[in-house]
Amino acid sequence: MKIRNITYLFALGFMLALAACTNPTPENYFDRAVLNTNIFNDFASENFTRDLIATTVKHEGVQGNEAPNQAQMIVDNKAQYIEKALKDIKALKKTDETKEMLETSIALHEYVLPVYKNEYTALAKLCDSGAAKDDIAALALEIDNKYAAQFEELFVKLTNLGKAYAKAHDINVSWGK
């Protein structure tokens, strides 16, 4: 009988410990929903296009710069990171306090992900293949014009929600500028 009670208490203790581990802290909510968006803060901007182009520049006499598809790897890595971040955000329990922040973060991630998988993939292929600068610039401008406004709206909304959430939970954040 005692072994059965000990086993029961051990199982109960394990389940409570597991439940405690799955309850994210305010910092976890903030990190996953707001801070993780830093990976695509250059979305729909010249900066990202410039970074893609810079990876394809070959330097005379430098060994190891022959790796193909550098721009494509950057885009693929961002897309994979965003997919994982989105999965992690969706796994968080929504509360009255976190619901709008989480929904905005999900909307932002779902907005940028297909662009990385489609338009930015096409742009990366142009960069990697050594396409004409005018062709690269035209596609980059098309992406910026099509997606920048909605991205900015969602990004600003999430940032403002994140600022309020961080302030309410005394999360020390440097917002730059």
N, C-alpha and C. Protein backbone atom coordinates (compact mmCIF):
# COMPACT_ATOMS: atom_id res chain seq x y z
N MET A 1 0.82 -1.18 0.00
CA MET A 1 0.00 0.00 0.00
C MET A 1 0.87 1.25 0.00
N LYS A 2 1.96 1.27 0.79
CA LYS A 2 2.82 2.44 0.86
C LYS A 2 3.50 2.71 -0.48
N ILE A 3 3.92 1.67 -1.18
CA ILE A 3 4.57 1.85 -2.49
C ILE A 3 3.59 2.48 -3.46
N ARG A 4 2.36 2.05 -3.40
CA ARG A 4 1.34 2.62 -4.27
C ARG A 4 1.16 4.11 -3.99
N ASN A 5 1.13 4.50 -2.71
CA ASN A 5 0.98 5.91 -2.34
C ASN A 5 2.20 6.72 -2.77
N ILE A 6 3.38 6.14 -2.61
CA ILE A 6 4.60 6.83 -3.01
C ILE A 6 4.61 7.04 -4.52
N THR A 7 4.22 5.99 -5.25
CA THR A 7 4.15 6.09 -6.71
C THR A 7 3.15 7.17 -7.11
N TYR A 8 2.00 7.18 -6.45
CA TYR A 8 0.97 8.18 -6.73
C TYR A 8 1.49 9.59 -6.43
N LEU A 9 2.14 9.76 -5.30
CA LEU A 9 2.68 11.08 -4.95
C LEU A 9 3.77 11.51 -5.92
N PHE A 10 4.61 10.56 -6.32
CA PHE A 10 5.66 10.88 -7.29
C PHE A 10 5.04 11.32 -8.62
N ALA A 11 4.05 10.58 -9.09
CA ALA A 11 3.39 10.91 -10.35
C ALA A 11 2.70 12.26 -10.26
N LEU A 12 2.03 12.53 -9.15
CA LEU A 12 1.36 13.81 -8.95
C LEU A 12 2.38 14.94 -8.92
N GLY A 13 3.47 14.74 -8.22
CA GLY A 13 4.52 15.76 -8.15
C GLY A 13 5.13 16.02 -9.52
N PHE A 14 5.35 14.95 -10.28
CA PHE A 14 5.90 15.09 -11.63
C PHE A 14 4.94 15.88 -12.52
N MET A 15 3.66 15.58 -12.45
CA MET A 15 2.67 16.28 -13.27
C MET A 15 2.59 17.76 -12.88
N LEU A 16 2.66 18.06 -11.59
CA LEU A 16 2.63 19.45 -11.16
C LEU A 16 3.88 20.19 -11.61
N ALA A 17 5.02 19.54 -11.52
CA ALA A 17 6.26 20.15 -11.97
C ALA A 17 6.22 20.40 -13.48
N LEU A 18 5.69 19.44 -14.21
CA LEU A 18 5.56 19.60 -15.65
C LEU A 18 4.61 20.74 -15.99
N ALA A 19 3.51 20.82 -15.28
CA ALA A 19 2.55 21.91 -15.51
C ALA A 19 3.19 23.26 -15.21
N ALA A 20 4.00 23.32 -14.17
CA ALA A 20 4.66 24.58 -13.83
C ALA A 20 5.64 24.99 -14.93
N CYS A 21 6.27 24.01 -15.56
CA CYS A 21 7.22 24.32 -16.63
C CYS A 21 6.53 24.80 -17.89
N THR A 22 5.28 24.43 -18.07
CA THR A 22 4.58 24.81 -19.28
C THR A 22 3.86 26.14 -19.16
N ASN A 23 3.84 26.72 -17.98
CA ASN A 23 3.24 28.04 -17.80
C ASN A 23 4.30 29.10 -18.06
N PRO A 24 4.26 29.72 -19.23
CA PRO A 24 5.30 30.68 -19.56
C PRO A 24 5.24 31.92 -18.68
N THR A 25 6.40 32.47 -18.45
CA THR A 25 6.50 33.72 -17.70
C THR A 25 6.17 34.88 -18.63
N PRO A 26 5.93 36.05 -18.09
CA PRO A 26 5.72 37.22 -18.95
C PRO A 26 6.90 37.44 -19.90
N GLU A 27 8.11 37.17 -19.43
CA GLU A 27 9.29 37.31 -20.30
C GLU A 27 9.23 36.34 -21.47
N ASN A 28 8.75 35.10 -21.22
CA ASN A 28 8.60 34.12 -22.31
C ASN A 28 7.60 34.61 -23.35
N TYR A 29 6.47 35.11 -22.88
CA TYR A 29 5.47 35.66 -23.80
C TYR A 29 6.08 36.78 -24.64
N PHE A 30 6.75 37.69 -23.96
CA PHE A 30 7.34 38.84 -24.65
C PHE A 30 8.40 38.41 -25.65
N ASP A 31 9.29 37.52 -25.21
CA ASP A 31 10.38 37.07 -26.09
C ASP A 31 9.84 36.40 -27.35
N ARG A 32 8.88 35.52 -27.18
CA ARG A 32 8.36 34.77 -28.33
C ARG A 32 7.50 35.64 -29.25
N ALA A 33 6.65 36.46 -28.67
CA ALA A 33 5.69 37.22 -29.47
C ALA A 33 6.27 38.50 -30.06
N VAL A 34 7.15 39.17 -29.32
CA VAL A 34 7.62 40.49 -29.75
C VAL A 34 9.09 40.47 -30.14
N LEU A 35 9.94 40.01 -29.26
CA LEU A 35 11.38 40.07 -29.48
C LEU A 35 11.81 39.25 -30.70
N ASN A 36 11.18 38.12 -30.93
CA ASN A 36 11.54 37.27 -32.07
C ASN A 36 11.30 37.93 -33.42
N THR A 37 10.53 38.99 -33.45
CA THR A 37 10.27 39.66 -34.74
C THR A 37 11.47 40.46 -35.21
N ASN A 38 12.49 40.59 -34.38
CA ASN A 38 13.69 41.31 -34.82
C ASN A 38 14.32 40.67 -36.05
N ILE A 39 14.10 39.38 -36.24
CA ILE A 39 14.71 38.70 -37.39
C ILE A 39 14.20 39.23 -38.72
N PHE A 40 13.01 39.80 -38.72
CA PHE A 40 12.51 40.32 -39.98
C PHE A 40 12.16 41.80 -39.90
N ASN A 41 12.86 42.54 -39.06
CA ASN A 41 12.60 43.98 -39.00
C ASN A 41 13.09 44.73 -40.24
N ASP A 42 13.85 44.04 -41.10
CA ASP A 42 14.30 44.64 -42.35
C ASP A 42 13.42 44.21 -43.53
N PHE A 43 12.28 43.61 -43.22
CA PHE A 43 11.35 43.14 -44.23
C PHE A 43 10.86 44.32 -45.08
N ALA A 44 10.71 44.07 -46.37
CA ALA A 44 10.21 45.07 -47.32
C ALA A 44 11.01 46.36 -47.24
N SER A 45 12.34 46.21 -47.19
CA SER A 45 13.19 47.40 -47.14
C SER A 45 14.42 47.18 -48.01
N GLU A 46 15.04 48.28 -48.36
CA GLU A 46 16.28 48.23 -49.14
C GLU A 46 17.37 47.45 -48.42
N ASN A 47 17.36 47.53 -47.10
CA ASN A 47 18.41 46.89 -46.32
C ASN A 47 18.50 45.39 -46.57
N PHE A 48 17.36 44.73 -46.62
CA PHE A 48 17.39 43.29 -46.84
C PHE A 48 17.90 42.97 -48.24
N THR A 49 17.44 43.70 -49.23
CA THR A 49 17.92 43.49 -50.60
C THR A 49 19.42 43.72 -50.67
N ARG A 50 19.89 44.77 -50.03
CA ARG A 50 21.32 45.07 -50.02
C ARG A 50 22.11 43.92 -49.39
N ASP A 51 21.57 43.35 -48.31
CA ASP A 51 22.24 42.22 -47.66
C ASP A 51 22.30 41.00 -48.58
N LEU A 52 21.22 40.75 -49.30
CA LEU A 52 21.21 39.61 -50.23
C LEU A 52 22.24 39.82 -51.34
N ILE A 53 22.29 41.02 -51.88
CA ILE A 53 23.25 41.32 -52.94
C ILE A 53 24.67 41.20 -52.41
N ALA A 54 24.91 41.66 -51.21
CA ALA A 54 26.25 41.65 -50.63
C ALA A 54 26.79 40.23 -50.47
N THR A 55 25.90 39.27 -50.25
CA THR A 55 26.37 37.89 -50.07
C THR A 55 26.86 37.28 -51.37
N THR A 56 26.48 37.86 -52.48
CA THR A 56 26.84 37.28 -53.77
C THR A 56 28.07 37.94 -54.40
N VAL A 57 28.62 38.94 -53.73
CA VAL A 57 29.80 39.62 -54.26
C VAL A 57 31.01 38.71 -54.12
N LYS A 58 31.72 38.53 -55.20
CA LYS A 58 32.93 37.71 -55.21
C LYS A 58 34.14 38.63 -55.07
N HIS A 59 35.06 38.24 -54.23
CA HIS A 59 36.27 39.03 -54.01
C HIS A 59 37.46 38.30 -54.64
N GLU A 60 38.15 38.98 -55.50
CA GLU A 60 39.31 38.39 -56.19
C GLU A 60 40.34 37.91 -55.18
N GLY A 61 40.82 36.68 -55.39
CA GLY A 61 41.91 36.16 -54.57
C GLY A 61 41.50 35.67 -53.21
N VAL A 62 40.24 35.73 -52.85
CA VAL A 62 39.80 35.28 -51.53
C VAL A 62 39.26 33.86 -51.65
N GLN A 63 39.83 32.96 -50.88
CA GLN A 63 39.41 31.57 -50.90
C GLN A 63 38.09 31.42 -50.14
N GLY A 64 37.25 30.50 -50.57
CA GLY A 64 36.04 30.18 -49.82
C GLY A 64 34.85 31.04 -50.17
N ASN A 65 34.96 31.91 -51.14
CA ASN A 65 33.80 32.73 -51.48
C ASN A 65 33.09 32.20 -52.72
N GLU A 66 33.34 30.94 -53.04
CA GLU A 66 32.73 30.34 -54.21
C GLU A 66 31.41 29.64 -53.87
N ALA A 67 30.99 29.69 -52.62
CA ALA A 67 29.78 28.97 -52.21
C ALA A 67 28.56 29.52 -52.96
N PRO A 68 27.86 28.64 -53.68
CA PRO A 68 26.68 29.08 -54.42
C PRO A 68 25.47 29.25 -53.51
N ASN A 69 24.52 30.00 -53.98
CA ASN A 69 23.22 30.13 -53.31
C ASN A 69 23.27 30.74 -51.92
N GLN A 70 24.16 31.67 -51.71
CA GLN A 70 24.26 32.32 -50.40
C GLN A 70 22.99 33.11 -50.07
N ALA A 71 22.48 33.86 -51.04
CA ALA A 71 21.26 34.63 -50.80
C ALA A 71 20.09 33.69 -50.52
N GLN A 72 20.01 32.61 -51.27
CA GLN A 72 18.94 31.63 -51.06
C GLN A 72 19.02 31.03 -49.66
N MET A 73 20.22 30.76 -49.18
CA MET A 73 20.38 30.21 -47.83
C MET A 73 19.90 31.20 -46.78
N ILE A 74 20.17 32.47 -46.97
CA ILE A 74 19.71 33.49 -46.02
C ILE A 74 18.19 33.50 -45.96
N VAL A 75 17.55 33.51 -47.11
CA VAL A 75 16.09 33.54 -47.17
C VAL A 75 15.52 32.26 -46.57
N ASP A 76 16.07 31.11 -46.92
CA ASP A 76 15.59 29.84 -46.37
C ASP A 76 15.73 29.80 -44.85
N ASN A 77 16.86 30.26 -44.34
CA ASN A 77 17.07 30.27 -42.89
C ASN A 77 16.07 31.17 -42.19
N LYS A 78 15.80 32.33 -42.77
CA LYS A 78 14.80 33.22 -42.17
C LYS A 78 13.43 32.57 -42.17
N ALA A 79 13.07 31.96 -43.28
CA ALA A 79 11.75 31.31 -43.38
C ALA A 79 11.63 30.19 -42.34
N GLN A 80 12.67 29.39 -42.19
CA GLN A 80 12.63 28.31 -41.21
C GLN A 80 12.52 28.86 -39.79
N TYR A 81 13.25 29.92 -39.50
CA TYR A 81 13.19 30.54 -38.17
C TYR A 81 11.77 31.07 -37.91
N ILE A 82 11.20 31.73 -38.90
CA ILE A 82 9.85 32.29 -38.75
C ILE A 82 8.83 31.18 -38.54
N GLU A 83 8.96 30.08 -39.28
CA GLU A 83 8.05 28.95 -39.09
C GLU A 83 8.12 28.41 -37.66
N LYS A 84 9.33 28.26 -37.14
CA LYS A 84 9.48 27.76 -35.77
C LYS A 84 8.94 28.76 -34.76
N ALA A 85 9.25 30.03 -34.97
CA ALA A 85 8.75 31.07 -34.06
C ALA A 85 7.22 31.09 -34.06
N LEU A 86 6.63 30.97 -35.24
CA LEU A 86 5.17 30.96 -35.36
C LEU A 86 4.58 29.78 -34.61
N LYS A 87 5.18 28.63 -34.75
CA LYS A 87 4.72 27.43 -34.03
C LYS A 87 4.80 27.66 -32.52
N ASP A 88 5.90 28.25 -32.06
CA ASP A 88 6.07 28.52 -30.63
C ASP A 88 5.04 29.52 -30.11
N ILE A 89 4.74 30.52 -30.90
CA ILE A 89 3.76 31.53 -30.49
C ILE A 89 2.37 30.90 -30.41
N LYS A 90 2.04 30.11 -31.41
CA LYS A 90 0.72 29.46 -31.42
C LYS A 90 0.56 28.50 -30.25
N ALA A 91 1.67 27.99 -29.72
CA ALA A 91 1.61 27.05 -28.59
C ALA A 91 1.36 27.76 -27.26
N LEU A 92 1.56 29.07 -27.23
CA LEU A 92 1.35 29.80 -25.99
C LEU A 92 -0.15 29.91 -25.68
N LYS A 93 -0.46 29.78 -24.41
CA LYS A 93 -1.85 29.93 -23.98
C LYS A 93 -2.23 31.40 -24.04
N LYS A 94 -3.35 31.68 -24.68
CA LYS A 94 -3.86 33.05 -24.75
C LYS A 94 -4.60 33.36 -23.46
N THR A 95 -4.29 34.51 -22.91
CA THR A 95 -5.00 35.01 -21.74
C THR A 95 -5.64 36.33 -22.14
N ASP A 96 -6.47 36.87 -21.29
CA ASP A 96 -7.07 38.17 -21.58
C ASP A 96 -5.98 39.22 -21.83
N GLU A 97 -4.90 39.10 -21.08
CA GLU A 97 -3.81 40.08 -21.18
C GLU A 97 -2.94 39.87 -22.42
N THR A 98 -2.77 38.64 -22.85
CA THR A 98 -1.84 38.35 -23.95
C THR A 98 -2.52 38.14 -25.29
N LYS A 99 -3.83 38.00 -25.31
CA LYS A 99 -4.56 37.62 -26.53
C LYS A 99 -4.24 38.54 -27.71
N GLU A 100 -4.40 39.84 -27.56
CA GLU A 100 -4.19 40.75 -28.68
C GLU A 100 -2.73 40.75 -29.14
N MET A 101 -1.80 40.70 -28.19
CA MET A 101 -0.38 40.68 -28.54
C MET A 101 -0.05 39.40 -29.32
N LEU A 102 -0.53 38.26 -28.85
CA LEU A 102 -0.26 37.00 -29.54
C LEU A 102 -0.92 36.96 -30.92
N GLU A 103 -2.15 37.40 -31.01
CA GLU A 103 -2.84 37.40 -32.31
C GLU A 103 -2.16 38.33 -33.30
N THR A 104 -1.69 39.47 -32.84
CA THR A 104 -0.97 40.39 -33.73
C THR A 104 0.35 39.79 -34.16
N SER A 105 1.05 39.15 -33.26
CA SER A 105 2.32 38.51 -33.60
C SER A 105 2.09 37.38 -34.60
N ILE A 106 1.07 36.59 -34.38
CA ILE A 106 0.75 35.51 -35.33
C ILE A 106 0.42 36.10 -36.70
N ALA A 107 -0.38 37.14 -36.72
CA ALA A 107 -0.75 37.77 -38.00
C ALA A 107 0.50 38.30 -38.71
N LEU A 108 1.41 38.89 -37.97
CA LEU A 108 2.63 39.42 -38.57
C LEU A 108 3.50 38.29 -39.13
N HIS A 109 3.68 37.24 -38.37
CA HIS A 109 4.46 36.10 -38.84
C HIS A 109 3.82 35.46 -40.08
N GLU A 110 2.51 35.30 -40.04
CA GLU A 110 1.80 34.70 -41.17
C GLU A 110 1.82 35.62 -42.39
N TYR A 111 1.97 36.90 -42.17
CA TYR A 111 2.04 37.86 -43.28
C TYR A 111 3.39 37.78 -44.00
N VAL A 112 4.48 37.71 -43.24
CA VAL A 112 5.80 37.74 -43.86
C VAL A 112 6.26 36.38 -44.39
N LEU A 113 5.83 35.30 -43.76
CA LEU A 113 6.33 33.98 -44.13
C LEU A 113 6.14 33.65 -45.61
N PRO A 114 4.95 33.81 -46.19
CA PRO A 114 4.80 33.48 -47.61
C PRO A 114 5.64 34.37 -48.52
N VAL A 115 5.90 35.58 -48.09
CA VAL A 115 6.73 36.48 -48.90
C VAL A 115 8.17 35.98 -48.94
N TYR A 116 8.67 35.51 -47.81
CA TYR A 116 10.01 34.92 -47.80
C TYR A 116 10.04 33.67 -48.67
N LYS A 117 9.00 32.86 -48.59
CA LYS A 117 8.98 31.61 -49.35
C LYS A 117 8.79 31.83 -50.85
N ASN A 118 8.20 32.93 -51.24
CA ASN A 118 7.92 33.16 -52.65
C ASN A 118 8.74 34.31 -53.23
N GLU A 119 8.36 35.53 -52.94
CA GLU A 119 9.01 36.68 -53.56
C GLU A 119 10.48 36.82 -53.17
N TYR A 120 10.78 36.65 -51.90
CA TYR A 120 12.19 36.78 -51.50
C TYR A 120 13.02 35.60 -52.00
N THR A 121 12.41 34.44 -52.15
CA THR A 121 13.12 33.31 -52.75
C THR A 121 13.47 33.63 -54.20
N ALA A 122 12.52 34.21 -54.92
CA ALA A 122 12.78 34.61 -56.31
C ALA A 122 13.87 35.68 -56.37
N LEU A 123 13.83 36.62 -55.45
CA LEU A 123 14.85 37.67 -55.40
C LEU A 123 16.23 37.07 -55.10
N ALA A 124 16.27 36.15 -54.18
CA ALA A 124 17.54 35.49 -53.83
C ALA A 124 18.11 34.74 -55.03
N LYS A 125 17.25 34.08 -55.77
CA LYS A 125 17.71 33.36 -56.96
C LYS A 125 18.29 34.33 -57.99
N LEU A 126 17.66 35.49 -58.13
CA LEU A 126 18.22 36.50 -59.04
C LEU A 126 19.61 36.94 -58.56
N CYS A 127 19.72 37.18 -57.27
CA CYS A 127 21.01 37.61 -56.72
C CYS A 127 22.07 36.54 -56.91
N ASP A 128 21.73 35.30 -56.58
CA ASP A 128 22.69 34.21 -56.68
C ASP A 128 23.11 33.90 -58.12
N SER A 129 22.21 34.16 -59.05
CA SER A 129 22.54 33.85 -60.45
C SER A 129 23.28 34.98 -61.14
N GLY A 130 23.50 36.09 -60.42
CA GLY A 130 24.21 37.22 -61.01
C GLY A 130 23.36 38.00 -62.00
N ALA A 131 22.06 38.04 -61.76
CA ALA A 131 21.15 38.76 -62.65
C ALA A 131 21.51 40.24 -62.69
N ALA A 132 20.97 40.90 -63.67
CA ALA A 132 21.21 42.34 -63.84
C ALA A 132 20.71 43.10 -62.61
N LYS A 133 21.46 44.12 -62.22
CA LYS A 133 21.08 44.94 -61.07
C LYS A 133 19.69 45.54 -61.24
N ASP A 134 19.35 45.91 -62.46
CA ASP A 134 18.03 46.49 -62.72
C ASP A 134 16.91 45.49 -62.44
N ASP A 135 17.13 44.23 -62.80
CA ASP A 135 16.12 43.18 -62.55
C ASP A 135 15.96 42.95 -61.05
N ILE A 136 17.06 42.91 -60.35
CA ILE A 136 17.03 42.73 -58.89
C ILE A 136 16.33 43.91 -58.24
N ALA A 137 16.70 45.11 -58.65
CA ALA A 137 16.10 46.32 -58.08
C ALA A 137 14.60 46.38 -58.37
N ALA A 138 14.19 45.98 -59.55
CA ALA A 138 12.77 46.02 -59.91
C ALA A 138 11.95 45.08 -59.04
N LEU A 139 12.45 43.86 -58.84
CA LEU A 139 11.72 42.91 -58.00
C LEU A 139 11.71 43.37 -56.55
N ALA A 140 12.82 43.88 -56.07
CA ALA A 140 12.90 44.39 -54.70
C ALA A 140 11.90 45.53 -54.49
N LEU A 141 11.82 46.42 -55.43
CA LEU A 141 10.88 47.55 -55.33
C LEU A 141 9.44 47.04 -55.35
N GLU A 142 9.17 46.06 -56.18
CA GLU A 142 7.83 45.47 -56.24
C GLU A 142 7.44 44.88 -54.88
N ILE A 143 8.37 44.17 -54.26
CA ILE A 143 8.12 43.58 -52.94
C ILE A 143 7.85 44.69 -51.93
N ASP A 144 8.71 45.69 -51.91
CA ASP A 144 8.56 46.80 -50.97
C ASP A 144 7.22 47.49 -51.14
N ASN A 145 6.88 47.80 -52.38
CA ASN A 145 5.63 48.53 -52.65
C ASN A 145 4.40 47.70 -52.28
N LYS A 146 4.47 46.41 -52.50
CA LYS A 146 3.32 45.54 -52.25
C LYS A 146 3.12 45.24 -50.77
N TYR A 147 4.20 45.12 -50.00
CA TYR A 147 4.08 44.60 -48.63
C TYR A 147 4.47 45.55 -47.51
N ALA A 148 5.16 46.62 -47.80
CA ALA A 148 5.73 47.46 -46.74
C ALA A 148 4.66 48.10 -45.85
N ALA A 149 3.61 48.63 -46.42
CA ALA A 149 2.61 49.36 -45.63
C ALA A 149 1.91 48.46 -44.62
N GLN A 150 1.43 47.32 -45.06
CA GLN A 150 0.74 46.39 -44.15
C GLN A 150 1.71 45.85 -43.10
N PHE A 151 2.94 45.56 -43.52
CA PHE A 151 3.95 45.09 -42.58
C PHE A 151 4.18 46.15 -41.50
N GLU A 152 4.37 47.37 -41.92
CA GLU A 152 4.64 48.46 -40.98
C GLU A 152 3.48 48.62 -39.99
N GLU A 153 2.28 48.52 -40.49
CA GLU A 153 1.10 48.65 -39.62
C GLU A 153 1.09 47.56 -38.55
N LEU A 154 1.29 46.32 -38.96
CA LEU A 154 1.31 45.22 -38.00
C LEU A 154 2.50 45.31 -37.05
N PHE A 155 3.66 45.67 -37.60
CA PHE A 155 4.87 45.77 -36.78
C PHE A 155 4.74 46.85 -35.71
N VAL A 156 4.21 47.99 -36.09
CA VAL A 156 4.03 49.10 -35.13
C VAL A 156 3.00 48.70 -34.07
N LYS A 157 1.91 48.07 -34.49
CA LYS A 157 0.90 47.64 -33.53
C LYS A 157 1.50 46.66 -32.53
N LEU A 158 2.26 45.67 -33.03
CA LEU A 158 2.87 44.69 -32.13
C LEU A 158 3.89 45.36 -31.21
N THR A 159 4.66 46.28 -31.74
CA THR A 159 5.64 46.98 -30.91
C THR A 159 4.95 47.75 -29.79
N ASN A 160 3.87 48.44 -30.11
CA ASN A 160 3.14 49.19 -29.08
C ASN A 160 2.53 48.27 -28.04
N LEU A 161 1.97 47.15 -28.49
CA LEU A 161 1.44 46.17 -27.53
C LEU A 161 2.56 45.60 -26.67
N GLY A 162 3.70 45.34 -27.30
CA GLY A 162 4.86 44.82 -26.57
C GLY A 162 5.38 45.81 -25.54
N LYS A 163 5.40 47.08 -25.91
CA LYS A 163 5.86 48.10 -24.97
C LYS A 163 4.95 48.15 -23.74
N ALA A 164 3.65 48.12 -23.96
CA ALA A 164 2.71 48.16 -22.84
C ALA A 164 2.85 46.91 -21.98
N TYR A 165 3.00 45.76 -22.61
CA TYR A 165 3.14 44.51 -21.88
C TYR A 165 4.44 44.50 -21.08
N ALA A 166 5.52 44.94 -21.69
CA ALA A 166 6.81 44.99 -20.99
C ALA A 166 6.74 45.93 -19.80
N LYS A 167 6.10 47.06 -19.99
CA LYS A 167 5.98 48.02 -18.89
C LYS A 167 5.15 47.44 -17.74
N ALA A 168 4.06 46.77 -18.08
CA ALA A 168 3.18 46.20 -17.06
C ALA A 168 3.87 45.09 -16.26
N HIS A 169 4.87 44.46 -16.86
CA HIS A 169 5.55 43.35 -16.19
C HIS A 169 7.00 43.66 -15.84
N ASP A 170 7.35 44.92 -15.89
CA ASP A 170 8.71 45.36 -15.54
C ASP A 170 9.78 44.58 -16.30
N ILE A 171 9.55 44.37 -17.60
CA ILE A 171 10.53 43.71 -18.45
C ILE A 171 11.43 44.79 -19.02
N ASN A 172 12.70 44.70 -18.72
CA ASN A 172 13.65 45.70 -19.14
C ASN A 172 13.98 45.53 -20.63
N VAL A 173 13.55 46.48 -21.43
CA VAL A 173 13.74 46.40 -22.88
C VAL A 173 14.30 47.72 -23.37
N SER A 174 15.29 47.64 -24.23
CA SER A 174 15.81 48.83 -24.90
C SER A 174 15.21 48.87 -26.29
N TRP A 175 14.40 49.87 -26.57
CA TRP A 175 13.69 49.96 -27.83
C TRP A 175 14.48 50.69 -28.91
N GLY A 176 15.68 51.08 -28.62
CA GLY A 176 16.50 51.77 -29.62
C GLY A 176 16.04 53.19 -29.82
N LYS A 177 16.67 53.82 -30.76
CA LYS A 177 16.39 55.22 -31.13
C LYS A 177 16.14 56.06 -29.93
